Amino acid sequence: MANRYSNTPISRDENRKRRYGTWIISIPPYNSSDLYIQVTSADRLDILASKLYGDQSLWYIIAAANGLGKGSLVVSPNTVLRIPSTEQTISFINSINTRR
């Protein structure tokens, strides 16, 4: 699975320091293959991504789909989360960023 930085533009400043371009992560479109779960105890987005996608670095997909991850990876108990299909979501995010 490609991570979200694989298509990020990289440049060098006047001191030859590496600079990464901006990466837009939009809300993934709804799909019939989306999964919905209810978190029963406090959990973290990266741990959920590891369990559900097999890759903890994909936590940002769950965060974007549910408006989470702004300053904390912790998900409160009893929160219902939409878990988007990874392949379609990564393709969607990549298409947004390659068109800019």
Foldseek 3Di string as FASTA:
>chain_A
DDAQQPPWDWDADPVRDIDTDDADQAAFDDDPPKDKDFAAAKDFLLVVCCVPVVGSSCSVNQCRNPVDDPVGRIDHHRDITIHDDVVSRSVVSVVVVVVD
